[in-house]
Amino acid sequence: MSPRYARLTQPLVRDGGELREASWDEALDRAAAGFRKAAEQGSMTGLFSCSKATNELNYAAQKFSRVVLHSNNVDSCNRT
């Protein structure tokens, strides 16, 4: 497999426009901080789920959107 299409084996974070490897704790902390900042700024958020996922996974996705993101904007390709 070409390096261009190789799988990631560690999370990457962006520092000064450059990607570097990071620990899972650092990557998850950065992701959580990004969600927190967006919520504090009142940014519109939403979630899109997939019809191929289980009902339980779709339920968890909508629960995450409503409880964590404080958003009722949940959509799915189930309606197509």
C-alpha atoms as a PDB file:
ATOM      1  CA  MET A   1       0.000   0.000   0.000  1.00  0.00           C
ATOM      2  CA  SER A   2       1.322   3.402  -0.894  1.00  0.00           C
ATOM      3  CA  PRO A   3       2.202   5.746   2.027  1.00  0.00           C
ATOM      4  CA  ARG A   4      -0.395   8.143   0.690  1.00  0.00           C
ATOM      5  CA  TYR A   5      -3.124   5.670   1.607  1.00  0.00           C
ATOM      6  CA  ALA A   6      -1.527   4.143   4.701  1.00  0.00           C
ATOM      7  CA  ARG A   7      -3.615   3.840   7.845  1.00  0.00           C
ATOM      8  CA  LEU A   8      -2.983   6.137  10.763  1.00  0.00           C
ATOM      9  CA  THR A   9      -1.555   4.303  13.745  1.00  0.00           C
ATOM     10  CA  GLN A  10      -1.507   7.243  16.175  1.00  0.00           C
ATOM     11  CA  PRO A  11      -3.612  10.369  16.503  1.00  0.00           C
ATOM     12  CA  LEU A  12      -2.318  13.538  14.896  1.00  0.00           C
ATOM     13  CA  VAL A  13      -2.718  17.094  16.188  1.00  0.00           C
ATOM     14  CA  ARG A  14      -2.013  20.351  14.420  1.00  0.00           C
ATOM     15  CA  ASP A  15       0.607  22.701  15.864  1.00  0.00           C
ATOM     16  CA  GLY A  16       1.358  25.860  13.929  1.00  0.00           C
ATOM     17  CA  GLY A  17      -0.164  24.431  10.761  1.00  0.00           C
ATOM     18  CA  GLU A  18       1.870  21.210  10.934  1.00  0.00           C
ATOM     19  CA  LEU A  19       0.576  17.796  11.945  1.00  0.00           C
ATOM     20  CA  ARG A  20       2.464  15.856  14.589  1.00  0.00           C
ATOM     21  CA  GLU A  21       1.875  12.594  16.418  1.00  0.00           C
ATOM     22  CA  ALA A  22       0.256  12.888  19.832  1.00  0.00           C
ATOM     23  CA  SER A  23      -0.958  10.669  22.640  1.00  0.00           C
ATOM     24  CA  TRP A  24      -4.589   9.619  22.716  1.00  0.00           C
ATOM     25  CA  ASP A  25      -5.107  11.671  25.883  1.00  0.00           C
ATOM     26  CA  GLU A  26      -3.818  14.839  24.213  1.00  0.00           C
ATOM     27  CA  ALA A  27      -5.844  14.255  21.044  1.00  0.00           C
ATOM     28  CA  LEU A  28      -9.067  13.579  22.966  1.00  0.00           C
ATOM     29  CA  ASP A  29      -8.469  16.580  25.240  1.00  0.00           C
ATOM     30  CA  ARG A  30      -8.062  18.790  22.158  1.00  0.00           C
ATOM     31  CA  ALA A  31     -11.222  17.395  20.578  1.00  0.00           C
ATOM     32  CA  ALA A  32     -13.185  17.971  23.790  1.00  0.00           C
ATOM     33  CA  ALA A  33     -11.814  21.518  24.034  1.00  0.00           C
ATOM     34  CA  GLY A  34     -12.941  22.177  20.461  1.00  0.00           C
ATOM     35  CA  PHE A  35     -16.487  20.977  21.219  1.00  0.00           C
ATOM     36  CA  ARG A  36     -16.533  23.037  24.423  1.00  0.00           C
ATOM     37  CA  LYS A  37     -15.363  26.190  22.621  1.00  0.00           C
ATOM     38  CA  ALA A  38     -17.964  25.775  19.870  1.00  0.00           C
ATOM     39  CA  ALA A  39     -20.727  25.279  22.453  1.00  0.00           C
ATOM     40  CA  GLU A  40     -19.624  28.343  24.449  1.00  0.00           C
ATOM     41  CA  GLN A  41     -19.618  30.480  21.293  1.00  0.00           C
ATOM     42  CA  GLY A  42     -23.118  29.300  20.426  1.00  0.00           C
ATOM     43  CA  SER A  43     -21.948  27.727  17.187  1.00  0.00           C
ATOM     44  CA  MET A  44     -24.576  25.737  15.377  1.00  0.00           C
ATOM     45  CA  THR A  45     -23.824  22.069  15.613  1.00  0.00           C
ATOM     46  CA  GLY A  46     -25.563  18.975  14.430  1.00  0.00           C
ATOM     47  CA  LEU A  47     -25.028  15.329  13.796  1.00  0.00           C
ATOM     48  CA  PHE A  48     -25.609  13.093  10.803  1.00  0.00           C
ATOM     49  CA  SER A  49     -26.111   9.389  11.340  1.00  0.00           C
ATOM     50  CA  CYS A  50     -26.253   6.420   8.979  1.00  0.00           C
ATOM     51  CA  SER A  51     -29.052   3.989   8.182  1.00  0.00           C
ATOM     52  CA  LYS A  52     -26.544   1.119   8.099  1.00  0.00           C
ATOM     53  CA  ALA A  53     -25.797   1.614  11.799  1.00  0.00           C
ATOM     54  CA  THR A  54     -27.769  -0.256  14.432  1.00  0.00           C
ATOM     55  CA  ASN A  55     -30.748   1.352  16.145  1.00  0.00           C
ATOM     56  CA  GLU A  56     -28.706   1.397  19.347  1.00  0.00           C
ATOM     57  CA  LEU A  57     -25.856   3.292  17.681  1.00  0.00           C
ATOM     58  CA  ASN A  58     -28.273   5.784  16.113  1.00  0.00           C
ATOM     59  CA  TYR A  59     -29.896   6.258  19.539  1.00  0.00           C
ATOM     60  CA  ALA A  60     -26.480   6.891  21.119  1.00  0.00           C
ATOM     61  CA  ALA A  61     -25.642   9.395  18.356  1.00  0.00           C
ATOM     62  CA  GLN A  62     -28.836  11.394  18.872  1.00  0.00           C
ATOM     63  CA  LYS A  63     -28.384  11.261  22.650  1.00  0.00           C
ATOM     64  CA  PHE A  64     -24.813  12.611  22.244  1.00  0.00           C
ATOM     65  CA  SER A  65     -26.093  15.419  20.025  1.00  0.00           C
ATOM     66  CA  ARG A  66     -28.847  16.418  22.438  1.00  0.00           C
ATOM     67  CA  VAL A  67     -27.002  16.032  25.750  1.00  0.00           C
ATOM     68  CA  VAL A  68     -23.389  16.909  24.908  1.00  0.00           C
ATOM     69  CA  LEU A  69     -23.751  19.269  21.939  1.00  0.00           C
ATOM     70  CA  HIS A  70     -27.051  20.750  23.193  1.00  0.00           C
ATOM     71  CA  SER A  71     -28.439  20.437  19.683  1.00  0.00           C
ATOM     72  CA  ASN A  72     -31.656  18.966  18.344  1.00  0.00           C
ATOM     73  CA  ASN A  73     -30.131  19.012  14.842  1.00  0.00           C
ATOM     74  CA  VAL A  74     -29.947  15.290  14.172  1.00  0.00           C
ATOM     75  CA  ASP A  75     -30.416  13.868  10.697  1.00  0.00           C
ATOM     76  CA  SER A  76     -30.045  10.478   9.104  1.00  0.00           C
ATOM     77  CA  CYS A  77     -30.098   8.990   5.655  1.00  0.00           C
ATOM     78  CA  ASN A  78     -32.927   6.731   6.910  1.00  0.00           C
ATOM     79  CA  ARG A  79     -35.434   9.127   5.372  1.00  0.00           C
ATOM     80  CA  THR A  80     -34.187   8.698   1.798  1.00  0.00           C
END
